[in-house]
């Protein structure tokens, strides 16, 4: 396999994304999305005591005990900064914490989800394209732009009807960023520290929304 053009360097931040083979829909139902998000959280851990499939068979108390222990240790491959699941692809912004952290993390998440998806849908073979894409985030302004772009995806792709519905879209980290998430998995400080007044990040995102949607329209029209 050829060497990756973008080296994955520890302590650096990356926008990583991948698409399903032949763009088949893989994140259309709540159960698939929820499973992928849980895999994202579970496989942050470098040494989980068991596979996710076995973890899910434990009692509620056993799950809580293991989850608390893993969170206290915080021996992670990556920090998750933001994410969004779209019908046939995902976006995640991560900070690599150990050597090969991003690569090992995405391998575990993708393999676990592919195994689950294939069993549930009576299919076999690979689910994602062979190699995920990775773009290094080099400047703070670039980080803010990328996270905003990711959070606007459901709006610019017409998965939600209006901007206020973005705060209710459950398969994006945007609800975490505006204080509406029931559960949080992101380390938001790298983004939100740039906004001294609470609520300014939401305004920052919404101000770009129509422009991003118009660009998406142009892109789709050129592809037709």
N, C-alpha and C. Protein backbone atom coordinates (compact mmCIF):
# COMPACT_ATOMS: atom_id res chain seq x y z
N UNK A 1 0.85 -1.20 0.00
CA UNK A 1 0.00 0.00 0.00
C UNK A 1 0.88 1.24 0.00
N UNK A 2 0.61 2.25 -0.84
CA UNK A 2 1.45 3.44 -0.90
C UNK A 2 1.40 4.23 0.40
N UNK A 3 2.50 4.95 0.65
CA UNK A 3 2.59 5.76 1.86
C UNK A 3 1.57 6.89 1.82
N UNK A 4 0.98 7.19 2.97
CA UNK A 4 0.00 8.26 3.07
C UNK A 4 0.66 9.61 2.79
N UNK A 5 0.02 10.42 1.94
CA UNK A 5 0.58 11.72 1.60
C UNK A 5 0.62 12.65 2.79
N UNK A 6 -0.40 12.57 3.65
CA UNK A 6 -0.45 13.39 4.86
C UNK A 6 -0.01 12.56 6.05
N UNK A 7 1.22 12.77 6.57
CA UNK A 7 1.65 12.00 7.74
C UNK A 7 0.80 12.36 8.95
N UNK A 8 0.53 11.36 9.78
CA UNK A 8 -0.31 11.58 10.96
C UNK A 8 0.61 11.73 12.17
N UNK A 9 0.75 12.97 12.63
CA UNK A 9 1.73 13.34 13.64
C UNK A 9 1.06 13.49 15.00
N UNK A 10 1.67 12.91 16.02
CA UNK A 10 1.13 13.01 17.38
C UNK A 10 1.09 14.45 17.86
N UNK A 11 0.01 14.78 18.54
CA UNK A 11 -0.31 16.11 19.07
C UNK A 11 -0.86 17.07 18.02
N UNK A 12 -1.01 16.60 16.79
CA UNK A 12 -1.60 17.43 15.75
C UNK A 12 -3.08 17.08 15.58
N UNK A 13 -3.82 18.02 14.95
CA UNK A 13 -5.26 17.88 14.77
C UNK A 13 -5.56 17.59 13.30
N UNK A 14 -6.50 16.68 13.06
CA UNK A 14 -6.84 16.26 11.70
C UNK A 14 -8.34 16.20 11.49
N UNK A 15 -8.75 16.58 10.30
CA UNK A 15 -10.11 16.33 9.83
C UNK A 15 -10.05 15.02 9.06
N UNK A 16 -10.72 14.00 9.56
CA UNK A 16 -10.71 12.68 8.92
C UNK A 16 -12.13 12.36 8.45
N UNK A 17 -12.21 11.71 7.31
CA UNK A 17 -13.53 11.39 6.76
C UNK A 17 -13.40 10.18 5.84
N UNK A 18 -14.52 9.48 5.72
CA UNK A 18 -14.56 8.32 4.83
C UNK A 18 -15.99 8.09 4.38
N UNK A 19 -16.11 7.37 3.28
CA UNK A 19 -17.40 7.15 2.63
C UNK A 19 -17.62 5.65 2.47
N UNK A 20 -18.87 5.25 2.47
CA UNK A 20 -19.20 3.85 2.24
C UNK A 20 -18.90 3.46 0.80
N UNK A 21 -18.61 2.20 0.58
CA UNK A 21 -18.37 1.69 -0.77
C UNK A 21 -19.62 1.91 -1.63
N UNK A 22 -19.40 2.45 -2.83
CA UNK A 22 -20.49 2.74 -3.77
C UNK A 22 -21.51 3.72 -3.18
N UNK A 23 -21.10 4.42 -2.14
CA UNK A 23 -21.96 5.42 -1.49
C UNK A 23 -23.29 4.84 -1.01
N UNK A 24 -23.28 3.57 -0.59
CA UNK A 24 -24.51 2.98 -0.08
C UNK A 24 -24.90 3.66 1.23
N UNK A 25 -26.18 3.83 1.49
CA UNK A 25 -26.60 4.49 2.74
C UNK A 25 -26.33 3.60 3.95
N UNK A 26 -25.58 4.11 4.89
CA UNK A 26 -25.24 3.33 6.09
C UNK A 26 -25.67 4.02 7.38
N UNK A 27 -25.98 5.32 7.29
CA UNK A 27 -26.37 6.08 8.49
C UNK A 27 -27.76 6.69 8.31
N UNK A 28 -28.70 5.92 7.83
CA UNK A 28 -30.05 6.42 7.63
C UNK A 28 -30.97 6.13 8.82
N UNK A 29 -30.63 5.10 9.59
CA UNK A 29 -31.49 4.72 10.71
C UNK A 29 -30.81 5.02 12.04
N UNK A 30 -31.62 5.29 13.03
CA UNK A 30 -31.10 5.70 14.32
C UNK A 30 -30.20 4.65 14.93
N UNK A 31 -30.56 3.37 14.78
CA UNK A 31 -29.77 2.33 15.44
C UNK A 31 -28.35 2.25 14.88
N UNK A 32 -28.20 2.44 13.54
CA UNK A 32 -26.87 2.42 12.94
C UNK A 32 -26.04 3.62 13.42
N UNK A 33 -26.65 4.78 13.41
CA UNK A 33 -25.94 5.98 13.85
C UNK A 33 -25.52 5.88 15.31
N UNK A 34 -26.42 5.42 16.15
CA UNK A 34 -26.12 5.28 17.57
C UNK A 34 -25.00 4.28 17.80
N UNK A 35 -25.00 3.20 17.04
CA UNK A 35 -23.95 2.20 17.18
C UNK A 35 -22.59 2.77 16.78
N UNK A 36 -22.55 3.53 15.67
CA UNK A 36 -21.28 4.11 15.24
C UNK A 36 -20.77 5.12 16.27
N UNK A 37 -21.65 5.95 16.80
CA UNK A 37 -21.24 6.94 17.79
C UNK A 37 -20.72 6.29 19.05
N UNK A 38 -21.35 5.19 19.45
CA UNK A 38 -20.86 4.51 20.64
C UNK A 38 -19.50 3.88 20.37
N UNK A 39 -19.32 3.33 19.18
CA UNK A 39 -18.00 2.78 18.81
C UNK A 39 -16.95 3.88 18.82
N UNK A 40 -17.31 5.08 18.37
CA UNK A 40 -16.39 6.21 18.40
C UNK A 40 -15.91 6.50 19.81
N UNK A 41 -16.82 6.45 20.75
CA UNK A 41 -16.47 6.72 22.14
C UNK A 41 -15.71 5.55 22.77
N UNK A 42 -16.20 4.34 22.54
CA UNK A 42 -15.62 3.15 23.17
C UNK A 42 -14.19 2.92 22.71
N UNK A 43 -13.94 3.05 21.42
CA UNK A 43 -12.62 2.73 20.87
C UNK A 43 -11.65 3.91 20.90
N UNK A 44 -12.03 4.99 21.55
CA UNK A 44 -11.03 5.99 21.91
C UNK A 44 -9.99 5.36 22.83
N UNK A 45 -10.45 4.42 23.63
CA UNK A 45 -9.60 3.80 24.64
C UNK A 45 -8.58 2.87 23.99
N UNK A 46 -7.32 3.02 24.39
CA UNK A 46 -6.26 2.22 23.81
C UNK A 46 -6.39 0.74 24.17
N UNK A 47 -6.81 0.47 25.41
CA UNK A 47 -6.91 -0.92 25.83
C UNK A 47 -8.24 -1.19 26.52
N UNK A 48 -9.33 -1.20 25.76
CA UNK A 48 -10.60 -1.59 26.39
C UNK A 48 -10.52 -3.05 26.82
N UNK A 49 -11.17 -3.40 27.93
CA UNK A 49 -11.03 -4.76 28.46
C UNK A 49 -11.71 -5.84 27.62
N UNK A 50 -12.57 -5.45 26.68
CA UNK A 50 -13.28 -6.41 25.84
C UNK A 50 -13.78 -5.70 24.59
N UNK A 51 -14.21 -6.48 23.60
CA UNK A 51 -14.74 -5.90 22.37
C UNK A 51 -16.11 -5.27 22.63
N UNK A 52 -16.47 -4.35 21.76
CA UNK A 52 -17.75 -3.66 21.92
C UNK A 52 -18.92 -4.63 21.84
N UNK A 53 -18.83 -5.63 20.97
CA UNK A 53 -19.92 -6.60 20.84
C UNK A 53 -20.16 -7.34 22.15
N UNK A 54 -19.10 -7.64 22.89
CA UNK A 54 -19.24 -8.32 24.18
C UNK A 54 -19.67 -7.33 25.27
N UNK A 55 -19.17 -6.11 25.18
CA UNK A 55 -19.55 -5.07 26.14
C UNK A 55 -21.06 -4.87 26.12
N UNK A 56 -21.64 -4.88 24.93
CA UNK A 56 -23.08 -4.62 24.80
C UNK A 56 -23.94 -5.73 25.40
N UNK A 57 -23.36 -6.88 25.70
CA UNK A 57 -24.11 -7.98 26.30
C UNK A 57 -24.09 -7.94 27.82
N UNK A 58 -23.34 -7.00 28.40
CA UNK A 58 -23.24 -6.90 29.85
C UNK A 58 -24.49 -6.24 30.43
N UNK A 59 -24.63 -6.35 31.72
CA UNK A 59 -25.73 -5.67 32.41
C UNK A 59 -25.47 -4.17 32.43
N UNK A 60 -26.50 -3.41 32.72
CA UNK A 60 -26.40 -1.95 32.76
C UNK A 60 -25.36 -1.51 33.79
N UNK A 61 -25.35 -2.15 34.95
CA UNK A 61 -24.40 -1.79 36.00
C UNK A 61 -22.97 -2.12 35.60
N UNK A 62 -22.78 -3.26 34.92
CA UNK A 62 -21.44 -3.63 34.47
C UNK A 62 -20.93 -2.65 33.41
N UNK A 63 -21.81 -2.26 32.51
CA UNK A 63 -21.43 -1.29 31.49
C UNK A 63 -21.01 0.03 32.13
N UNK A 64 -21.81 0.48 33.10
CA UNK A 64 -21.52 1.75 33.77
C UNK A 64 -20.18 1.68 34.50
N UNK A 65 -19.91 0.58 35.17
CA UNK A 65 -18.67 0.43 35.92
C UNK A 65 -17.45 0.47 35.00
N UNK A 66 -17.52 -0.24 33.89
CA UNK A 66 -16.41 -0.27 32.94
C UNK A 66 -16.23 1.09 32.28
N UNK A 67 -17.32 1.72 31.90
CA UNK A 67 -17.25 3.04 31.26
C UNK A 67 -16.62 4.07 32.19
N UNK A 68 -17.00 4.05 33.46
CA UNK A 68 -16.42 4.99 34.42
C UNK A 68 -14.93 4.75 34.60
N UNK A 69 -14.53 3.49 34.65
CA UNK A 69 -13.12 3.16 34.82
C UNK A 69 -12.30 3.63 33.61
N UNK A 70 -12.82 3.39 32.42
CA UNK A 70 -12.11 3.81 31.21
C UNK A 70 -12.00 5.32 31.13
N UNK A 71 -13.06 6.01 31.53
CA UNK A 71 -13.03 7.47 31.46
C UNK A 71 -12.03 8.05 32.46
N UNK A 72 -11.94 7.44 33.64
CA UNK A 72 -11.00 7.91 34.64
C UNK A 72 -9.55 7.72 34.19
N UNK A 73 -9.30 6.60 33.50
CA UNK A 73 -7.94 6.34 32.98
C UNK A 73 -7.60 7.29 31.85
N UNK A 74 -8.54 7.51 30.94
CA UNK A 74 -8.37 8.40 29.79
C UNK A 74 -7.08 8.09 29.03
N UNK A 75 -6.85 6.81 28.79
CA UNK A 75 -5.74 6.39 27.94
C UNK A 75 -6.29 6.26 26.53
N UNK A 76 -6.21 7.35 25.79
CA UNK A 76 -6.90 7.47 24.53
C UNK A 76 -5.96 7.50 23.34
N UNK A 77 -6.44 6.97 22.21
CA UNK A 77 -5.75 7.14 20.93
C UNK A 77 -5.84 8.60 20.47
N UNK A 78 -7.03 9.17 20.63
CA UNK A 78 -7.31 10.51 20.11
C UNK A 78 -8.26 11.24 21.06
N UNK A 79 -8.28 12.55 20.93
CA UNK A 79 -9.37 13.36 21.46
C UNK A 79 -10.32 13.65 20.31
N UNK A 80 -11.61 13.49 20.56
CA UNK A 80 -12.62 13.83 19.55
C UNK A 80 -13.00 15.29 19.75
N UNK A 81 -12.86 16.08 18.70
CA UNK A 81 -13.16 17.50 18.78
C UNK A 81 -14.54 17.80 18.20
N UNK A 82 -14.88 17.21 17.08
CA UNK A 82 -16.22 17.36 16.51
C UNK A 82 -16.48 16.21 15.55
N UNK A 83 -17.76 16.05 15.18
CA UNK A 83 -18.11 14.97 14.24
C UNK A 83 -19.48 15.25 13.64
N UNK A 84 -19.76 14.54 12.55
CA UNK A 84 -21.10 14.53 11.97
C UNK A 84 -21.23 13.29 11.10
N UNK A 85 -22.34 12.60 11.25
CA UNK A 85 -22.65 11.45 10.42
C UNK A 85 -23.67 11.87 9.37
N UNK A 86 -23.34 11.56 8.12
CA UNK A 86 -24.23 11.81 6.99
C UNK A 86 -24.67 10.46 6.44
N UNK A 87 -25.67 10.41 5.55
CA UNK A 87 -26.20 9.10 5.14
C UNK A 87 -25.17 8.10 4.64
N UNK A 88 -24.14 8.55 3.92
CA UNK A 88 -23.17 7.59 3.37
C UNK A 88 -21.72 7.91 3.72
N UNK A 89 -21.51 8.81 4.68
CA UNK A 89 -20.13 9.12 5.06
C UNK A 89 -20.09 9.75 6.45
N UNK A 90 -18.88 9.89 6.98
CA UNK A 90 -18.71 10.55 8.27
C UNK A 90 -17.58 11.57 8.20
N UNK A 91 -17.67 12.56 9.07
CA UNK A 91 -16.61 13.54 9.31
C UNK A 91 -16.27 13.49 10.80
N UNK A 92 -14.99 13.47 11.12
CA UNK A 92 -14.56 13.57 12.52
C UNK A 92 -13.33 14.46 12.56
N UNK A 93 -13.26 15.35 13.53
CA UNK A 93 -12.04 16.11 13.80
C UNK A 93 -11.44 15.57 15.08
N UNK A 94 -10.18 15.15 15.00
CA UNK A 94 -9.53 14.51 16.14
C UNK A 94 -8.14 15.10 16.36
N UNK A 95 -7.68 15.01 17.59
CA UNK A 95 -6.29 15.31 17.93
C UNK A 95 -5.61 13.99 18.26
N UNK A 96 -4.54 13.66 17.56
CA UNK A 96 -3.83 12.41 17.82
C UNK A 96 -3.02 12.53 19.11
N UNK A 97 -3.19 11.58 20.01
CA UNK A 97 -2.52 11.63 21.31
C UNK A 97 -1.32 10.69 21.41
N UNK A 98 -1.29 9.65 20.59
CA UNK A 98 -0.17 8.69 20.59
C UNK A 98 0.17 8.36 19.15
N UNK A 99 1.37 7.85 18.94
CA UNK A 99 1.78 7.49 17.59
C UNK A 99 0.81 6.46 16.99
N UNK A 100 0.43 6.68 15.75
CA UNK A 100 -0.52 5.83 15.02
C UNK A 100 -1.91 5.84 15.64
N UNK A 101 -2.18 6.83 16.47
CA UNK A 101 -3.47 6.88 17.17
C UNK A 101 -4.65 7.01 16.24
N UNK A 102 -4.58 7.91 15.28
CA UNK A 102 -5.70 8.12 14.36
C UNK A 102 -5.95 6.86 13.54
N UNK A 103 -4.88 6.29 13.01
CA UNK A 103 -5.02 5.09 12.17
C UNK A 103 -5.63 3.94 12.95
N UNK A 104 -5.12 3.67 14.15
CA UNK A 104 -5.63 2.55 14.95
C UNK A 104 -7.06 2.81 15.42
N UNK A 105 -7.34 4.04 15.77
CA UNK A 105 -8.68 4.40 16.22
C UNK A 105 -9.72 4.17 15.13
N UNK A 106 -9.46 4.71 13.94
CA UNK A 106 -10.43 4.57 12.86
C UNK A 106 -10.55 3.14 12.37
N UNK A 107 -9.47 2.39 12.45
CA UNK A 107 -9.55 0.97 12.07
C UNK A 107 -10.50 0.23 13.00
N UNK A 108 -10.37 0.45 14.30
CA UNK A 108 -11.22 -0.24 15.28
C UNK A 108 -12.69 0.18 15.13
N UNK A 109 -12.91 1.48 15.00
CA UNK A 109 -14.28 1.98 14.86
C UNK A 109 -14.92 1.44 13.58
N UNK A 110 -14.20 1.56 12.47
CA UNK A 110 -14.75 1.15 11.17
C UNK A 110 -14.98 -0.35 11.12
N UNK A 111 -14.02 -1.14 11.61
CA UNK A 111 -14.17 -2.59 11.58
C UNK A 111 -15.33 -3.05 12.46
N UNK A 112 -15.45 -2.44 13.64
CA UNK A 112 -16.53 -2.81 14.54
C UNK A 112 -17.89 -2.49 13.92
N UNK A 113 -18.01 -1.30 13.34
CA UNK A 113 -19.29 -0.92 12.74
C UNK A 113 -19.60 -1.76 11.51
N UNK A 114 -18.59 -2.04 10.69
CA UNK A 114 -18.82 -2.85 9.49
C UNK A 114 -19.30 -4.24 9.87
N UNK A 115 -18.72 -4.81 10.91
CA UNK A 115 -19.16 -6.14 11.36
C UNK A 115 -20.62 -6.10 11.80
N UNK A 116 -20.97 -5.08 12.57
CA UNK A 116 -22.34 -4.92 13.04
C UNK A 116 -23.30 -4.71 11.86
N UNK A 117 -22.94 -3.79 10.96
CA UNK A 117 -23.80 -3.45 9.83
C UNK A 117 -24.02 -4.66 8.92
N UNK A 118 -22.96 -5.39 8.66
CA UNK A 118 -23.07 -6.55 7.75
C UNK A 118 -23.98 -7.63 8.32
N UNK A 119 -23.87 -7.87 9.62
CA UNK A 119 -24.73 -8.87 10.25
C UNK A 119 -26.20 -8.42 10.20
N UNK A 120 -26.44 -7.18 10.54
CA UNK A 120 -27.80 -6.66 10.58
C UNK A 120 -28.45 -6.62 9.20
N UNK A 121 -27.62 -6.44 8.16
CA UNK A 121 -28.16 -6.28 6.81
C UNK A 121 -27.84 -7.45 5.90
N UNK A 122 -27.38 -8.55 6.48
CA UNK A 122 -27.13 -9.79 5.74
C UNK A 122 -26.26 -9.54 4.49
N UNK A 123 -25.13 -8.87 4.71
CA UNK A 123 -24.20 -8.61 3.63
C UNK A 123 -22.79 -9.00 4.07
N UNK A 124 -21.87 -9.05 3.13
CA UNK A 124 -20.49 -9.36 3.46
C UNK A 124 -19.54 -8.42 2.75
N UNK A 125 -18.27 -8.46 3.13
CA UNK A 125 -17.25 -7.66 2.48
C UNK A 125 -17.05 -6.30 3.13
N UNK A 126 -16.13 -5.53 2.58
CA UNK A 126 -15.82 -4.20 3.14
C UNK A 126 -17.03 -3.28 3.08
N UNK A 127 -17.08 -2.35 4.02
CA UNK A 127 -18.17 -1.38 4.07
C UNK A 127 -17.70 0.01 3.67
N UNK A 128 -16.47 0.36 4.06
CA UNK A 128 -15.92 1.68 3.77
C UNK A 128 -14.87 1.61 2.68
N UNK A 129 -14.63 2.75 2.04
CA UNK A 129 -13.53 2.83 1.09
C UNK A 129 -12.22 2.49 1.79
N UNK A 130 -11.26 1.99 1.06
CA UNK A 130 -10.10 1.33 1.65
C UNK A 130 -9.30 2.21 2.59
N UNK A 131 -9.17 3.48 2.30
CA UNK A 131 -8.35 4.35 3.15
C UNK A 131 -9.10 5.64 3.45
N UNK A 132 -9.16 5.99 4.73
CA UNK A 132 -9.81 7.24 5.10
C UNK A 132 -8.95 8.43 4.65
N UNK A 133 -9.60 9.55 4.43
CA UNK A 133 -8.91 10.78 4.06
C UNK A 133 -8.57 11.54 5.33
N UNK A 134 -7.45 12.25 5.32
CA UNK A 134 -7.03 13.02 6.48
C UNK A 134 -6.43 14.34 6.04
N UNK A 135 -6.91 15.43 6.62
CA UNK A 135 -6.38 16.77 6.33
C UNK A 135 -5.89 17.37 7.64
N UNK A 136 -4.64 17.76 7.67
CA UNK A 136 -4.07 18.36 8.88
C UNK A 136 -4.61 19.76 9.09
N UNK A 137 -5.00 20.05 10.32
CA UNK A 137 -5.46 21.39 10.69
C UNK A 137 -4.25 22.17 11.18
N UNK A 138 -3.85 23.17 10.43
CA UNK A 138 -2.60 23.86 10.71
C UNK A 138 -2.78 25.17 11.48
N UNK A 139 -3.95 25.79 11.37
CA UNK A 139 -4.16 27.08 12.02
C UNK A 139 -5.51 27.10 12.74
N UNK A 140 -5.63 27.98 13.74
CA UNK A 140 -6.89 28.09 14.48
C UNK A 140 -8.04 28.46 13.56
N UNK A 141 -7.80 29.37 12.62
CA UNK A 141 -8.87 29.78 11.71
C UNK A 141 -9.34 28.62 10.86
N UNK A 142 -8.42 27.76 10.46
CA UNK A 142 -8.79 26.58 9.69
C UNK A 142 -9.63 25.63 10.52
N UNK A 143 -9.27 25.45 11.78
CA UNK A 143 -10.04 24.58 12.68
C UNK A 143 -11.47 25.09 12.81
N UNK A 144 -11.64 26.38 13.03
CA UNK A 144 -12.98 26.94 13.18
C UNK A 144 -13.80 26.75 11.91
N UNK A 145 -13.17 26.97 10.78
CA UNK A 145 -13.86 26.82 9.49
C UNK A 145 -14.30 25.36 9.28
N UNK A 146 -13.40 24.42 9.56
CA UNK A 146 -13.70 23.00 9.32
C UNK A 146 -14.81 22.52 10.25
N UNK A 147 -14.74 22.87 11.52
CA UNK A 147 -15.76 22.44 12.47
C UNK A 147 -17.11 23.04 12.09
N UNK A 148 -17.12 24.30 11.69
CA UNK A 148 -18.37 24.92 11.25
C UNK A 148 -18.91 24.23 10.01
N UNK A 149 -18.05 23.95 9.06
CA UNK A 149 -18.46 23.24 7.85
C UNK A 149 -19.10 21.89 8.19
N UNK A 150 -18.47 21.14 9.09
CA UNK A 150 -18.99 19.84 9.49
C UNK A 150 -20.36 19.98 10.15
N UNK A 151 -20.49 20.96 11.04
CA UNK A 151 -21.75 21.14 11.75
C UNK A 151 -22.88 21.61 10.84
N UNK A 152 -22.56 22.27 9.74
CA UNK A 152 -23.58 22.73 8.81
C UNK A 152 -23.99 21.68 7.78
N UNK A 153 -23.28 20.58 7.71
CA UNK A 153 -23.57 19.56 6.70
C UNK A 153 -25.03 19.12 6.65
N UNK A 154 -25.67 18.83 7.76
CA UNK A 154 -27.08 18.40 7.68
C UNK A 154 -28.00 19.47 7.09
N UNK A 155 -27.65 20.74 7.30
CA UNK A 155 -28.46 21.83 6.74
C UNK A 155 -28.18 22.02 5.26
N UNK A 156 -26.92 22.07 4.87
CA UNK A 156 -26.59 22.30 3.46
C UNK A 156 -26.96 21.11 2.59
N UNK A 157 -27.15 19.93 3.20
CA UNK A 157 -27.56 18.74 2.46
C UNK A 157 -29.05 18.45 2.60
N UNK A 158 -29.80 19.36 3.24
CA UNK A 158 -31.26 19.26 3.37
C UNK A 158 -31.72 18.09 4.24
N UNK A 159 -30.88 17.66 5.16
CA UNK A 159 -31.32 16.65 6.12
C UNK A 159 -32.17 17.28 7.22
N UNK A 160 -31.96 18.55 7.47
CA UNK A 160 -32.83 19.30 8.39
C UNK A 160 -33.43 20.46 7.60
N UNK A 161 -34.64 20.87 7.97
CA UNK A 161 -35.37 21.87 7.19
C UNK A 161 -34.91 23.29 7.46
N UNK A 162 -34.52 23.57 8.70
CA UNK A 162 -34.10 24.93 9.02
C UNK A 162 -32.95 24.90 10.01
N UNK A 163 -32.35 26.05 10.24
CA UNK A 163 -31.15 26.12 11.06
C UNK A 163 -31.40 25.70 12.51
N UNK A 164 -32.53 26.08 13.05
CA UNK A 164 -32.80 25.73 14.45
C UNK A 164 -32.86 24.22 14.65
N UNK A 165 -33.23 23.48 13.59
CA UNK A 165 -33.28 22.03 13.69
C UNK A 165 -31.88 21.41 13.83
N UNK A 166 -30.84 22.17 13.47
CA UNK A 166 -29.48 21.65 13.64
C UNK A 166 -29.20 21.28 15.10
N UNK A 167 -29.77 22.05 16.01
CA UNK A 167 -29.56 21.78 17.43
C UNK A 167 -30.21 20.51 17.90
N UNK A 168 -31.12 19.95 17.07
CA UNK A 168 -31.80 18.71 17.42
C UNK A 168 -31.28 17.53 16.60
N UNK A 169 -30.35 17.78 15.68
CA UNK A 169 -29.82 16.68 14.86
C UNK A 169 -28.92 15.83 15.75
N UNK A 170 -29.31 14.59 16.03
CA UNK A 170 -28.64 13.83 17.09
C UNK A 170 -27.33 13.18 16.70
N UNK A 171 -26.96 13.24 15.42
CA UNK A 171 -25.77 12.52 14.97
C UNK A 171 -24.66 13.47 14.54
N UNK A 172 -24.62 14.59 15.22
CA UNK A 172 -23.61 15.62 15.03
C UNK A 172 -23.21 16.13 16.40
N UNK A 173 -22.02 16.69 16.50
CA UNK A 173 -21.59 17.26 17.78
C UNK A 173 -22.10 18.69 17.97
N UNK A 174 -22.83 19.24 16.99
CA UNK A 174 -23.33 20.60 17.16
C UNK A 174 -24.19 20.77 18.41
N UNK A 175 -25.10 19.83 18.74
CA UNK A 175 -25.84 19.98 19.99
C UNK A 175 -24.93 20.07 21.22
N UNK A 176 -23.79 19.38 21.20
CA UNK A 176 -22.84 19.50 22.31
C UNK A 176 -22.32 20.93 22.41
N UNK A 177 -22.05 21.54 21.27
CA UNK A 177 -21.43 22.86 21.24
C UNK A 177 -22.38 23.96 21.67
N UNK A 178 -23.68 23.70 21.64
CA UNK A 178 -24.64 24.74 22.04
C UNK A 178 -25.41 24.32 23.30
N UNK A 179 -24.91 23.30 23.99
CA UNK A 179 -25.47 22.92 25.28
C UNK A 179 -26.78 22.19 25.23
N UNK A 180 -27.06 21.44 24.14
CA UNK A 180 -28.33 20.74 24.02
C UNK A 180 -28.17 19.22 23.93
N UNK A 181 -26.98 18.71 24.16
CA UNK A 181 -26.75 17.26 24.04
C UNK A 181 -26.98 16.57 25.38
N UNK A 182 -27.58 15.38 25.31
CA UNK A 182 -27.78 14.58 26.51
C UNK A 182 -26.48 13.92 26.95
N UNK A 183 -25.64 13.58 25.97
CA UNK A 183 -24.36 12.96 26.26
C UNK A 183 -23.29 13.62 25.42
N UNK A 184 -22.12 13.85 26.02
CA UNK A 184 -21.04 14.53 25.31
C UNK A 184 -19.82 13.64 25.20
N UNK A 185 -19.19 13.65 24.01
CA UNK A 185 -17.95 12.88 23.82
C UNK A 185 -16.83 13.75 23.27
N UNK A 186 -17.11 15.03 23.03
CA UNK A 186 -16.12 15.91 22.41
C UNK A 186 -15.35 16.74 23.43
N UNK A 187 -14.11 17.03 23.08
CA UNK A 187 -13.29 18.00 23.79
C UNK A 187 -13.42 19.32 23.02
N UNK A 188 -14.23 20.23 23.51
CA UNK A 188 -14.65 21.39 22.72
C UNK A 188 -13.78 22.63 22.93
N UNK A 189 -12.86 22.57 23.88
CA UNK A 189 -12.17 23.79 24.27
C UNK A 189 -11.36 24.43 23.14
N UNK A 190 -10.76 23.61 22.25
CA UNK A 190 -9.95 24.16 21.17
C UNK A 190 -10.77 25.07 20.26
N UNK A 191 -12.06 24.83 20.19
CA UNK A 191 -12.96 25.66 19.39
C UNK A 191 -13.60 26.75 20.23
N UNK A 192 -14.24 26.37 21.31
CA UNK A 192 -15.05 27.32 22.07
C UNK A 192 -14.23 28.35 22.82
N UNK A 193 -12.95 28.09 23.06
CA UNK A 193 -12.10 29.09 23.71
C UNK A 193 -11.93 30.35 22.85
N UNK A 194 -12.28 30.26 21.57
CA UNK A 194 -12.20 31.42 20.69
C UNK A 194 -13.45 32.30 20.78
N UNK A 195 -14.44 31.86 21.56
CA UNK A 195 -15.69 32.60 21.68
C UNK A 195 -15.92 32.92 23.16
N UNK A 196 -15.62 34.15 23.53
CA UNK A 196 -15.66 34.53 24.95
C UNK A 196 -17.08 34.61 25.49
N UNK A 197 -18.03 34.89 24.62
CA UNK A 197 -19.44 35.02 25.05
C UNK A 197 -20.18 33.75 24.69
N UNK A 198 -20.87 33.16 25.66
CA UNK A 198 -21.63 31.94 25.41
C UNK A 198 -22.69 32.20 24.35
N UNK A 199 -22.78 31.32 23.40
CA UNK A 199 -23.76 31.47 22.33
C UNK A 199 -23.18 32.05 21.06
N UNK A 200 -21.98 32.61 21.12
CA UNK A 200 -21.38 33.22 19.93
C UNK A 200 -21.00 32.16 18.89
N UNK A 201 -20.68 30.95 19.34
CA UNK A 201 -20.34 29.92 18.36
C UNK A 201 -21.55 29.61 17.48
N UNK A 202 -22.72 29.51 18.08
CA UNK A 202 -23.94 29.25 17.30
C UNK A 202 -24.14 30.35 16.25
N UNK A 203 -23.94 31.58 16.65
CA UNK A 203 -24.06 32.70 15.71
C UNK A 203 -23.03 32.58 14.59
N UNK A 204 -21.82 32.19 14.94
CA UNK A 204 -20.73 31.99 13.98
C UNK A 204 -21.11 30.95 12.94
N UNK A 205 -21.73 29.87 13.37
CA UNK A 205 -22.16 28.81 12.45
C UNK A 205 -23.29 29.29 11.56
N UNK A 206 -24.31 29.87 12.16
CA UNK A 206 -25.49 30.27 11.40
C UNK A 206 -25.17 31.34 10.34
N UNK A 207 -24.20 32.19 10.63
CA UNK A 207 -23.85 33.25 9.70
C UNK A 207 -23.31 32.72 8.38
N UNK A 208 -22.81 31.49 8.36
CA UNK A 208 -22.24 30.90 7.16
C UNK A 208 -23.22 29.96 6.46
N UNK A 209 -24.36 29.72 7.06
CA UNK A 209 -25.23 28.63 6.63
C UNK A 209 -25.73 28.77 5.20
N UNK A 210 -26.27 29.91 4.84
CA UNK A 210 -26.83 30.06 3.50
C UNK A 210 -25.74 30.03 2.43
N UNK A 211 -24.59 30.58 2.75
CA UNK A 211 -23.48 30.55 1.79
C UNK A 211 -23.04 29.11 1.55
N UNK A 212 -22.92 28.32 2.61
CA UNK A 212 -22.51 26.93 2.44
C UNK A 212 -23.56 26.14 1.67
N UNK A 213 -24.84 26.41 1.92
CA UNK A 213 -25.89 25.71 1.18
C UNK A 213 -25.84 26.07 -0.30
N UNK A 214 -25.56 27.32 -0.61
CA UNK A 214 -25.49 27.73 -2.02
C UNK A 214 -24.32 27.07 -2.72
N UNK A 215 -23.20 26.91 -2.02
CA UNK A 215 -22.05 26.21 -2.60
C UNK A 215 -22.39 24.74 -2.85
N UNK A 216 -23.13 24.14 -1.93
CA UNK A 216 -23.53 22.74 -2.11
C UNK A 216 -24.43 22.58 -3.33
N UNK A 217 -25.33 23.54 -3.55
CA UNK A 217 -26.20 23.50 -4.73
C UNK A 217 -25.37 23.55 -6.03
N UNK A 218 -24.40 24.44 -6.05
CA UNK A 218 -23.55 24.58 -7.24
C UNK A 218 -22.78 23.28 -7.48
N UNK A 219 -22.25 22.71 -6.42
CA UNK A 219 -21.48 21.47 -6.54
C UNK A 219 -22.35 20.36 -7.14
N UNK A 220 -23.57 20.21 -6.62
CA UNK A 220 -24.45 19.15 -7.10
C UNK A 220 -24.90 19.39 -8.54
N UNK A 221 -25.12 20.66 -8.90
CA UNK A 221 -25.54 20.95 -10.27
C UNK A 221 -24.42 20.64 -11.27
N UNK A 222 -23.19 20.86 -10.86
CA UNK A 222 -22.06 20.56 -11.74
C UNK A 222 -21.86 19.07 -11.91
N UNK A 223 -22.26 18.30 -10.91
CA UNK A 223 -22.09 16.86 -10.97
C UNK A 223 -23.21 16.18 -11.75
N UNK A 224 -24.35 16.84 -11.87
CA UNK A 224 -25.50 16.25 -12.59
C UNK A 224 -25.24 16.15 -14.11
